[in-house]
Protein backbone atom coordinates (compact mmCIF):
# COMPACT_ATOMS: atom_id res chain seq x y z
CA UNK A 1 6.57 28.83 3.95
CA UNK A 2 10.04 27.33 4.28
CA UNK A 3 11.56 25.42 1.33
CA UNK A 4 11.30 22.17 3.30
CA UNK A 5 7.58 22.70 3.99
CA UNK A 6 7.05 23.68 0.37
CA UNK A 7 8.62 20.44 -0.81
CA UNK A 8 6.50 18.41 1.60
CA UNK A 9 3.40 20.21 0.30
CA UNK A 10 4.35 19.21 -3.25
CA UNK A 11 4.82 15.60 -2.18
CA UNK A 12 1.50 15.69 -0.33
CA UNK A 13 -0.40 17.12 -3.32
CA UNK A 14 1.29 14.68 -5.70
CA UNK A 15 0.36 11.76 -3.46
CA UNK A 16 -3.24 12.91 -3.21
CA UNK A 17 -3.52 13.57 -6.94
CA UNK A 18 -2.28 10.17 -8.00
CA UNK A 19 -4.37 8.56 -5.24
CA UNK A 20 -7.49 10.18 -6.71
CA UNK A 21 -6.76 8.47 -10.00
CA UNK A 22 -6.09 5.22 -8.16
CA UNK A 23 -9.49 5.53 -6.47
CA UNK A 24 -11.22 6.10 -9.77
CA UNK A 25 -9.61 2.95 -11.16
CA UNK A 26 -10.24 1.07 -7.90
CA UNK A 27 -13.94 1.13 -8.75
CA UNK A 28 -13.72 1.18 -12.54
CA UNK A 29 -11.17 -1.65 -12.89
CA UNK A 30 -13.28 -4.42 -11.31
CA UNK A 31 -16.38 -3.05 -13.06
CA UNK A 32 -14.52 -3.30 -16.35
CA UNK A 33 -13.47 -6.87 -15.62
CA UNK A 34 -17.05 -7.73 -14.68
CA UNK A 35 -18.13 -6.67 -18.21
CA UNK A 36 -15.51 -8.99 -19.72
CA UNK A 37 -16.17 -12.05 -17.51
CA UNK A 38 -18.28 -13.19 -14.57
CA UNK A 39 -15.70 -15.75 -13.42
CA UNK A 40 -14.48 -14.82 -9.89
CA UNK A 41 -11.12 -16.44 -10.56
CA UNK A 42 -10.53 -14.35 -13.70
CA UNK A 43 -11.59 -11.15 -11.93
CA UNK A 44 -9.29 -11.98 -9.02
CA UNK A 45 -6.59 -12.75 -11.58
CA UNK A 46 -6.45 -9.07 -12.51
CA UNK A 47 -5.68 -8.21 -8.89
CA UNK A 48 -3.02 -10.93 -8.84
CA UNK A 49 -1.46 -9.62 -12.06
CA UNK A 50 -1.19 -6.15 -10.53
CA UNK A 51 0.40 -7.43 -7.31
CA UNK A 52 2.63 -10.08 -8.94
CA UNK A 53 5.52 -7.64 -9.61
CA UNK A 54 5.94 -7.22 -5.86
CA UNK A 55 6.86 -10.89 -5.59
CA UNK A 56 9.28 -10.70 -8.52
CA UNK A 57 10.83 -7.23 -8.44
CA UNK A 58 10.35 -5.78 -4.96
CA UNK A 59 13.87 -6.48 -3.67
CA UNK A 60 15.49 -5.36 -6.93
CA UNK A 61 13.42 -2.16 -6.87
CA UNK A 62 14.54 -1.45 -3.31
CA UNK A 63 18.20 -1.71 -4.30
CA UNK A 64 17.64 0.62 -7.27
CA UNK A 65 15.85 3.16 -5.08
CA UNK A 66 18.89 3.35 -2.81
CA UNK A 67 21.20 3.96 -5.78
CA UNK A 68 19.47 6.84 -7.57
CA UNK A 69 17.61 10.06 -6.83
CA UNK A 70 14.31 8.94 -5.30
CA UNK A 71 12.60 12.11 -6.51
CA UNK A 72 13.41 11.25 -10.14
CA UNK A 73 12.25 7.65 -9.65
CA UNK A 74 8.78 8.75 -8.48
CA UNK A 75 8.42 11.37 -11.23
CA UNK A 76 9.51 9.13 -14.11
CA UNK A 77 7.49 6.12 -12.98
CA UNK A 78 4.35 8.23 -12.52
CA UNK A 79 4.76 9.58 -16.05
CA UNK A 80 5.17 6.08 -17.49
CA UNK A 81 2.16 4.81 -15.57
CA UNK A 82 0.15 7.70 -16.97
CA UNK A 83 1.04 6.56 -20.49
CA UNK A 84 0.13 2.93 -19.71
CA UNK A 85 -3.25 3.70 -18.19
CA UNK A 86 -3.89 6.17 -21.02
CA UNK A 87 -3.34 3.32 -23.47
CA UNK A 88 -5.90 1.24 -21.57
CA UNK A 89 -8.36 4.13 -21.88
CA UNK A 90 -7.84 4.20 -25.66
CA UNK A 91 -8.47 0.45 -25.91
CA UNK A 92 -11.66 0.81 -23.87
CA UNK A 93 -12.78 3.73 -26.05
CA UNK A 94 -12.21 1.64 -29.18
CA UNK A 95 -13.97 -1.40 -27.67
CA UNK A 96 -10.77 -3.42 -28.14
CA UNK A 97 -10.27 -4.63 -24.59
CA UNK A 98 -9.76 -8.24 -23.58
CA UNK A 99 -8.86 -10.01 -20.35
CA UNK A 100 -5.19 -10.51 -21.41
CA UNK A 101 -4.91 -6.81 -22.34
CA UNK A 102 -6.16 -5.76 -18.90
CA UNK A 103 -3.78 -8.23 -17.25
CA UNK A 104 -0.84 -6.79 -19.18
CA UNK A 105 -1.72 -3.20 -18.31
CA UNK A 106 -2.20 -3.81 -14.60
CA UNK A 107 1.02 -5.84 -14.47
CA UNK A 108 2.94 -2.84 -15.82
CA UNK A 109 1.17 -0.57 -13.34
CA UNK A 110 2.16 -2.90 -10.51
CA UNK A 111 5.75 -2.99 -11.75
CA UNK A 112 5.83 0.80 -11.56
CA UNK A 113 4.42 0.70 -8.05
CA UNK A 114 7.34 -1.41 -6.81
CA UNK A 115 9.59 1.54 -7.61
CA UNK A 116 7.37 4.57 -6.98
CA UNK A 117 5.76 3.44 -3.72
CA UNK A 118 9.11 2.46 -2.26
CA UNK A 119 10.85 5.66 -3.38
CA UNK A 120 7.98 7.81 -2.12
CA UNK A 121 8.19 6.29 1.37
CA UNK A 122 11.97 6.69 1.42
CA UNK A 123 11.64 10.31 0.24
CA UNK A 124 9.58 11.43 3.26
CA UNK A 125 12.45 11.61 5.81
CA UNK A 126 14.40 13.88 3.46
CA UNK A 127 11.66 16.54 3.41
CA UNK A 128 10.42 16.18 7.01
CA UNK A 129 12.30 16.57 10.32
CA UNK A 130 12.53 13.34 12.37
CA UNK A 131 10.25 14.67 15.11
CA UNK A 132 7.48 15.35 12.56
CA UNK A 133 7.57 11.99 10.77
CA UNK A 134 4.47 10.54 12.46
CA UNK A 135 2.40 13.63 11.65
CA UNK A 136 3.72 13.79 8.09
CA UNK A 137 2.98 10.11 7.47
CA UNK A 138 -0.50 10.53 8.93
CA UNK A 139 -1.31 13.42 6.60
CA UNK A 140 0.08 11.57 3.59
CA UNK A 141 -1.92 8.49 4.51
CA UNK A 142 -5.01 10.62 5.03
CA UNK A 143 -4.64 12.28 1.63
CA UNK A 144 -4.26 8.92 -0.07
CA UNK A 145 -7.18 7.45 1.84
CA UNK A 146 -9.47 10.43 1.26
CA UNK A 147 -8.74 10.57 -2.45
CA UNK A 148 -8.38 6.87 -3.27
CA UNK A 149 -11.16 5.56 -1.04
CA UNK A 150 -13.62 8.44 -0.54
CA UNK A 151 -13.62 10.71 -3.58
CA UNK A 152 -12.20 8.35 -6.20
CA UNK A 153 -14.48 5.28 -6.13
CA UNK A 154 -17.85 7.10 -6.45
CA UNK A 155 -16.36 9.23 -9.22
CA UNK A 156 -15.00 6.10 -10.88
CA UNK A 157 -18.37 4.35 -10.71
CA UNK A 158 -20.14 7.39 -12.13
CA UNK A 159 -17.58 7.87 -14.92
CA UNK A 160 -17.71 4.18 -15.82
CA UNK A 161 -21.51 4.32 -16.05
CA UNK A 162 -21.12 7.24 -18.49
CA UNK A 163 -18.36 5.66 -20.60
CA UNK A 164 -15.96 2.79 -19.88
CA UNK A 165 -12.92 4.74 -21.09
CA UNK A 166 -13.47 7.88 -19.00
CA UNK A 167 -12.17 6.75 -15.59
CA UNK A 168 -8.93 5.46 -17.08
CA UNK A 169 -8.36 8.71 -18.94
CA UNK A 170 -8.81 10.61 -15.67
CA UNK A 171 -6.34 8.28 -13.94
CA UNK A 172 -3.75 8.91 -16.67
CA UNK A 173 -4.08 12.68 -16.23
CA UNK A 174 -3.58 12.46 -12.45
CA UNK A 175 -0.39 10.45 -12.89
CA UNK A 176 1.07 13.02 -15.26
CA UNK A 177 0.19 15.89 -12.92
CA UNK A 178 1.72 14.06 -9.96
CA UNK A 179 4.91 13.45 -11.94
CA UNK A 180 5.31 17.16 -12.55
CA UNK A 181 4.79 18.01 -8.88
CA UNK A 182 7.37 15.50 -7.64
CA UNK A 183 9.90 16.54 -10.27
CA UNK A 184 9.69 20.13 -8.99
CA UNK A 185 10.86 19.08 -5.49
CA UNK A 186 14.41 20.26 -4.85
CA UNK A 187 17.03 17.48 -5.07
CA UNK A 188 18.85 16.56 -1.86
CA UNK A 189 22.12 14.73 -1.40
CA UNK A 190 20.55 12.54 1.28
CA UNK A 191 18.04 11.09 -1.17
CA UNK A 192 20.53 8.48 -2.40
CA UNK A 193 22.81 6.04 -0.70
CA UNK A 194 25.66 7.14 -2.90
CA UNK A 195 25.42 10.73 -1.68
CA UNK A 196 24.85 9.75 1.94
CA UNK A 197 27.60 7.17 2.05
CA UNK A 198 30.24 7.92 -0.61
CA UNK A 199 32.73 5.21 -1.40
CA UNK A 200 35.33 4.32 -3.98
CA UNK A 201 33.25 1.66 -5.69
CA UNK A 202 29.64 0.54 -5.92
CA UNK A 203 28.81 -2.90 -4.55
CA UNK A 204 26.92 -5.46 -6.61
CA UNK A 205 23.14 -5.39 -6.81
CA UNK A 206 22.96 -8.86 -5.28
CA UNK A 207 25.01 -7.77 -2.31
CA UNK A 208 22.88 -4.65 -1.87
CA UNK A 209 19.68 -6.72 -1.84
CA UNK A 210 21.13 -9.20 0.65
CA UNK A 211 22.26 -6.39 2.94
CA UNK A 212 18.77 -4.89 3.11
CA UNK A 213 17.11 -8.26 3.66
CA UNK A 214 19.52 -9.25 6.43
CA UNK A 215 19.15 -5.89 8.15
CA UNK A 216 15.37 -6.18 8.39
CA UNK A 217 15.45 -9.87 9.29
CA UNK A 218 17.89 -9.23 12.14
CA UNK A 219 15.65 -6.46 13.47
CA UNK A 220 13.16 -8.17 15.76
CA UNK A 221 10.34 -5.61 15.56
CA UNK A 222 10.55 -5.04 11.80
CA UNK A 223 10.74 -8.78 11.13
CA UNK A 224 7.60 -9.28 13.21
CA UNK A 225 5.76 -6.49 11.38
CA UNK A 226 6.71 -7.89 7.96
CA UNK A 227 5.56 -11.42 8.80
CA UNK A 228 2.29 -10.31 10.38
CA UNK A 229 1.34 -7.88 7.63
CA UNK A 230 2.13 -10.54 5.04
CA UNK A 231 -0.28 -12.99 6.66
CA UNK A 232 -2.90 -10.27 7.13
CA UNK A 233 -2.73 -9.30 3.49
CA UNK A 234 -3.05 -12.88 2.30
CA UNK A 235 -6.43 -13.03 4.05
CA UNK A 236 -7.39 -9.50 2.94
CA UNK A 237 -6.38 -10.07 -0.68
CA UNK A 238 -8.25 -13.37 -0.77
CA UNK A 239 -11.43 -11.89 0.67
CA UNK A 240 -11.56 -8.71 -1.41
CA UNK A 241 -10.19 -9.91 -4.76
CA UNK A 242 -13.72 -10.48 -6.13
CA UNK A 243 -15.44 -7.88 -3.93
CA UNK A 244 -17.23 -6.39 -6.92
CA UNK A 245 -19.15 -9.66 -7.34
CA UNK A 246 -19.81 -9.80 -3.58
CA UNK A 247 -21.28 -6.28 -3.71
CA UNK A 248 -23.46 -7.14 -6.69
CA UNK A 249 -24.63 -10.63 -5.74
CA UNK A 250 -24.61 -10.51 -1.93
CA UNK A 251 -25.42 -6.86 -1.23
CA UNK A 252 -27.44 -6.08 -4.39
CA UNK A 253 -25.52 -2.90 -5.32
CA UNK A 254 -25.24 -1.18 -8.70
CA UNK A 255 -22.01 0.19 -10.21
CA UNK A 256 -22.49 3.57 -8.53
CA UNK A 257 -23.50 1.92 -5.26
CA UNK A 258 -20.34 -0.18 -5.35
CA UNK A 259 -18.28 2.96 -5.73
CA UNK A 260 -19.99 4.60 -2.74
CA UNK A 261 -19.48 1.45 -0.67
CA UNK A 262 -15.73 1.56 -1.28
CA UNK A 263 -15.67 5.21 -0.23
CA UNK A 264 -16.80 4.23 3.28
CA UNK A 265 -13.24 3.11 3.98
CA UNK A 266 -12.06 6.70 3.54
CA UNK A 267 -14.34 7.99 6.31
CA UNK A 268 -12.51 5.76 8.74
CA UNK A 269 -9.26 6.78 7.08
CA UNK A 270 -9.92 10.42 7.95
CA UNK A 271 -10.52 9.45 11.59
CA UNK A 272 -7.29 7.47 11.55
CA UNK A 273 -5.39 10.38 10.00
CA UNK A 274 -6.52 12.83 12.66
CA UNK A 275 -5.76 10.47 15.54
CA UNK A 276 -2.84 8.26 14.44
CA UNK A 277 0.03 10.49 15.62
CA UNK A 278 -1.63 11.20 18.98
CA UNK A 279 -2.54 7.56 19.51
CA UNK A 280 1.02 6.53 18.72
CA UNK A 281 2.38 9.06 21.23
CA UNK A 282 -0.18 8.09 23.87
CA UNK A 283 -0.22 4.28 23.66
CA UNK A 284 2.81 3.26 21.62
CA UNK A 285 3.01 0.78 18.76
CA UNK A 286 2.22 -2.53 20.48
CA UNK A 287 -1.34 -1.79 21.79
CA UNK A 288 -2.37 -0.18 18.50
CA UNK A 289 -1.08 -3.09 16.44
CA UNK A 290 -2.82 -5.60 18.70
CA UNK A 291 -6.08 -3.69 18.31
CA UNK A 292 -5.58 -3.78 14.54
CA UNK A 293 -5.37 -7.56 14.59
CA UNK A 294 -8.76 -7.74 16.30
CA UNK A 295 -10.38 -5.28 13.89
CA UNK A 296 -9.05 -7.22 10.90
CA UNK A 297 -10.37 -10.52 12.26
CA UNK A 298 -13.83 -9.21 13.15
CA UNK A 299 -14.18 -7.48 9.76
CA UNK A 300 -13.94 -10.82 7.96
CA UNK A 301 -16.62 -12.28 10.21
CA UNK A 302 -19.04 -9.39 9.60
CA UNK A 303 -18.66 -9.60 5.82
CA UNK A 304 -19.20 -13.35 5.97
CA UNK A 305 -22.58 -13.09 7.72
CA UNK A 306 -24.16 -9.80 6.60
CA UNK A 307 -26.36 -9.04 3.61
CA UNK A 308 -26.85 -5.38 4.51
CA UNK A 309 -24.95 -2.71 2.53
CA UNK A 310 -25.16 -0.43 5.58
CA UNK A 311 -23.52 -2.98 7.87
CA UNK A 312 -20.84 -3.54 5.26
CA UNK A 313 -20.30 0.23 4.97
CA UNK A 314 -19.94 0.71 8.74
CA UNK A 315 -17.48 -2.19 8.86
CA UNK A 316 -15.42 -0.55 6.12
CA UNK A 317 -15.37 2.70 8.12
CA UNK A 318 -13.86 0.89 11.11
CA UNK A 319 -11.50 -1.02 8.84
CA UNK A 320 -10.34 2.21 7.21
CA UNK A 321 -9.45 3.75 10.57
CA UNK A 322 -7.52 0.63 11.54
CA UNK A 323 -5.66 0.48 8.22
CA UNK A 324 -4.57 4.10 8.47
CA UNK A 325 -3.38 3.85 12.07
CA UNK A 326 -1.53 0.60 11.36
CA UNK A 327 0.17 2.08 8.31
CA UNK A 328 1.25 5.26 10.09
CA UNK A 329 2.63 3.35 13.08
CA UNK A 330 4.51 0.81 10.96
CA UNK A 331 5.87 3.29 8.41
CA UNK A 332 7.04 5.78 11.04
CA UNK A 333 8.77 3.10 13.09
CA UNK A 334 10.54 1.73 9.99
CA UNK A 335 11.65 5.19 8.82
CA UNK A 336 13.12 5.97 12.23
CA UNK A 337 14.81 2.60 12.69
CA UNK A 338 16.45 2.07 9.29
CA UNK A 339 19.59 3.97 8.24
CA UNK A 340 19.02 6.47 5.42
CA UNK A 341 21.20 4.56 2.98
CA UNK A 342 19.31 1.32 3.63
CA UNK A 343 15.77 2.67 3.81
CA UNK A 344 14.83 1.82 0.23
CA UNK A 345 15.99 -1.78 0.60
CA UNK A 346 14.40 -2.19 4.03
CA UNK A 347 11.14 -0.81 2.61
CA UNK A 348 11.39 -3.24 -0.29
CA UNK A 349 11.63 -6.25 2.04
CA UNK A 350 8.62 -5.07 4.02
CA UNK A 351 6.69 -4.43 0.79
CA UNK A 352 7.66 -7.87 -0.49
CA UNK A 353 5.78 -9.40 2.43
CA UNK A 354 2.96 -6.84 2.36
CA UNK A 355 2.16 -6.63 -1.35
CA UNK A 356 3.28 -10.19 -2.01
CA UNK A 357 0.70 -11.27 0.54
CA UNK A 358 -1.98 -9.42 -1.40
CA UNK A 359 -0.90 -11.13 -4.61
CA UNK A 360 -0.98 -14.64 -3.13
CA UNK A 361 -4.25 -13.89 -1.35
CA UNK A 362 -6.00 -12.69 -4.50
CA UNK A 363 -4.91 -15.82 -6.35
CA UNK A 364 -6.17 -18.08 -3.56
CA UNK A 365 -9.35 -16.07 -2.96
CA UNK A 366 -10.47 -16.25 -6.57
CA UNK A 367 -10.22 -20.04 -6.59
CA UNK A 368 -11.99 -20.31 -3.23
CA UNK A 369 -14.83 -18.03 -4.40
CA UNK A 370 -15.26 -19.98 -7.64
CA UNK A 371 -15.29 -23.33 -5.83
CA UNK A 372 -17.21 -22.61 -2.62
CA UNK A 373 -19.14 -19.41 -3.27
CA UNK A 374 -18.61 -15.65 -3.05
CA UNK A 375 -18.75 -15.56 0.78
CA UNK A 376 -16.27 -18.40 1.36
CA UNK A 377 -13.12 -16.21 1.21
CA UNK A 378 -14.38 -14.17 4.16
CA UNK A 379 -14.89 -17.30 6.27
CA UNK A 380 -11.41 -18.50 5.34
CA UNK A 381 -10.04 -15.04 6.19
CA UNK A 382 -11.75 -15.05 9.58
CA UNK A 383 -10.35 -18.45 10.50
CA UNK A 384 -6.85 -17.61 9.32
CA UNK A 385 -6.80 -14.26 11.12
CA UNK A 386 -7.93 -15.92 14.35
CA UNK A 387 -4.83 -18.11 14.13
CA UNK A 388 -2.64 -15.05 13.41
CA UNK A 389 -4.01 -13.29 16.50
CA UNK A 390 -3.14 -16.26 18.69
CA UNK A 391 0.38 -16.53 17.28
CA UNK A 392 1.26 -12.82 17.13
CA UNK A 393 -0.40 -11.46 20.28
CA UNK A 394 2.30 -12.55 22.69
CA UNK A 395 5.09 -11.32 20.42
CA UNK A 396 3.67 -7.79 20.03
CA UNK A 397 4.80 -6.47 23.40
CA UNK A 398 5.82 -2.89 24.24
CA UNK A 399 9.38 -4.04 24.94
CA UNK A 400 9.78 -5.24 21.34
CA UNK A 401 8.98 -1.76 20.01
CA UNK A 402 10.54 0.22 22.85
CA UNK A 403 13.91 0.75 21.19
CA UNK A 404 14.64 2.58 17.96
CA UNK A 405 16.77 -0.36 16.88
CA UNK A 406 15.18 -3.28 18.70
CA UNK A 407 16.73 -6.55 17.68
CA UNK A 408 19.80 -5.10 16.01
CA UNK A 409 23.17 -6.56 16.70
CA UNK A 410 24.91 -4.75 19.55
CA UNK A 411 27.33 -2.00 18.67
CA UNK A 412 31.03 -2.87 18.83
CA UNK A 413 32.67 -2.06 22.15
CA UNK A 414 34.40 1.27 22.49
CA UNK A 415 38.18 1.39 22.61
CA UNK A 416 39.58 1.71 26.15
CA UNK A 417 40.33 5.24 27.25
CA UNK A 418 44.04 5.65 28.14
CA UNK A 419 44.76 6.60 31.71
């Protein structure tokens, strides 16, 4: 195995390991909140607290990621998150938990994600050749999906039923293991803007942030993707913020059943992993993204009308395949289009729209569910996504995504060649 493949394997295992812990907490976190309160708005508030750092710190995190070794960022942040979630496990073990304590812990976890998720995405091109990016992103996405959505949630539900502190202790251990794996990856000069583009002096943080934002905004395809995914995630975050109550009250599921329901998404994620790179090569970005809009819209409608756990599970399978394919297509296109020294900041702008949309959606969805009932956020999501489809369909054309740098300002003219 070549050193480059060995480093990618470490990144892949680290991603899967931490994703397993995320999946455990994905089920255990809402179950824990449901033992502290039955208010949909308060339960959704925990999701909002975890996503809020993306609205506040995403752009700053992107600028930091482009200034330092991205490998060290991921390793250190994973270690710190392991300590934070370990502290939450100790509070649960001592029966000392409260809603504010959970909010504080998940806020710190979300703050770490603004750095680690960005740096991890920006690290991929440094350990993978450009021609293998789509395949590498697909396998990374598949590992995260399989561990966080398939294996993690049932394990989290089972561990929570045994003892409330157990799933959070497991999550802490996975973060610490992932930190060690990423730290063992060999450093590369291309992992930082400073090494890739040396200069006599470092620009200000404000200027760095503005440069990344302007670059994405002037790029027609990436601007379109950021806006659309932001709107999609507002509807998704609103609909699924109190999903644990939906599963219990609407579908009649227990804690373990809720964990197994969440794992259905991973089945579709595996299908998406195995097919994303080939679909991208066969059809291109535009048709796949258009299909994703339709899947997202129809998923809201199904959840709004069904009472069957099996129908909900099948819908999550389809949704998982769509989410994986969408993520692979969007991430690969962004990694190929953005310059290496700007990738962290360009990622941060995209994540501001993406994760910020989840934060706003969870805040809105909790209020809607409290006021109009647990199914109302899905109806709102269906109506909003129908509008997004109408507005975005005509803009998502193959010509928009045909060029590596679609929408960029034209290059300066070449100097005349002397006769």
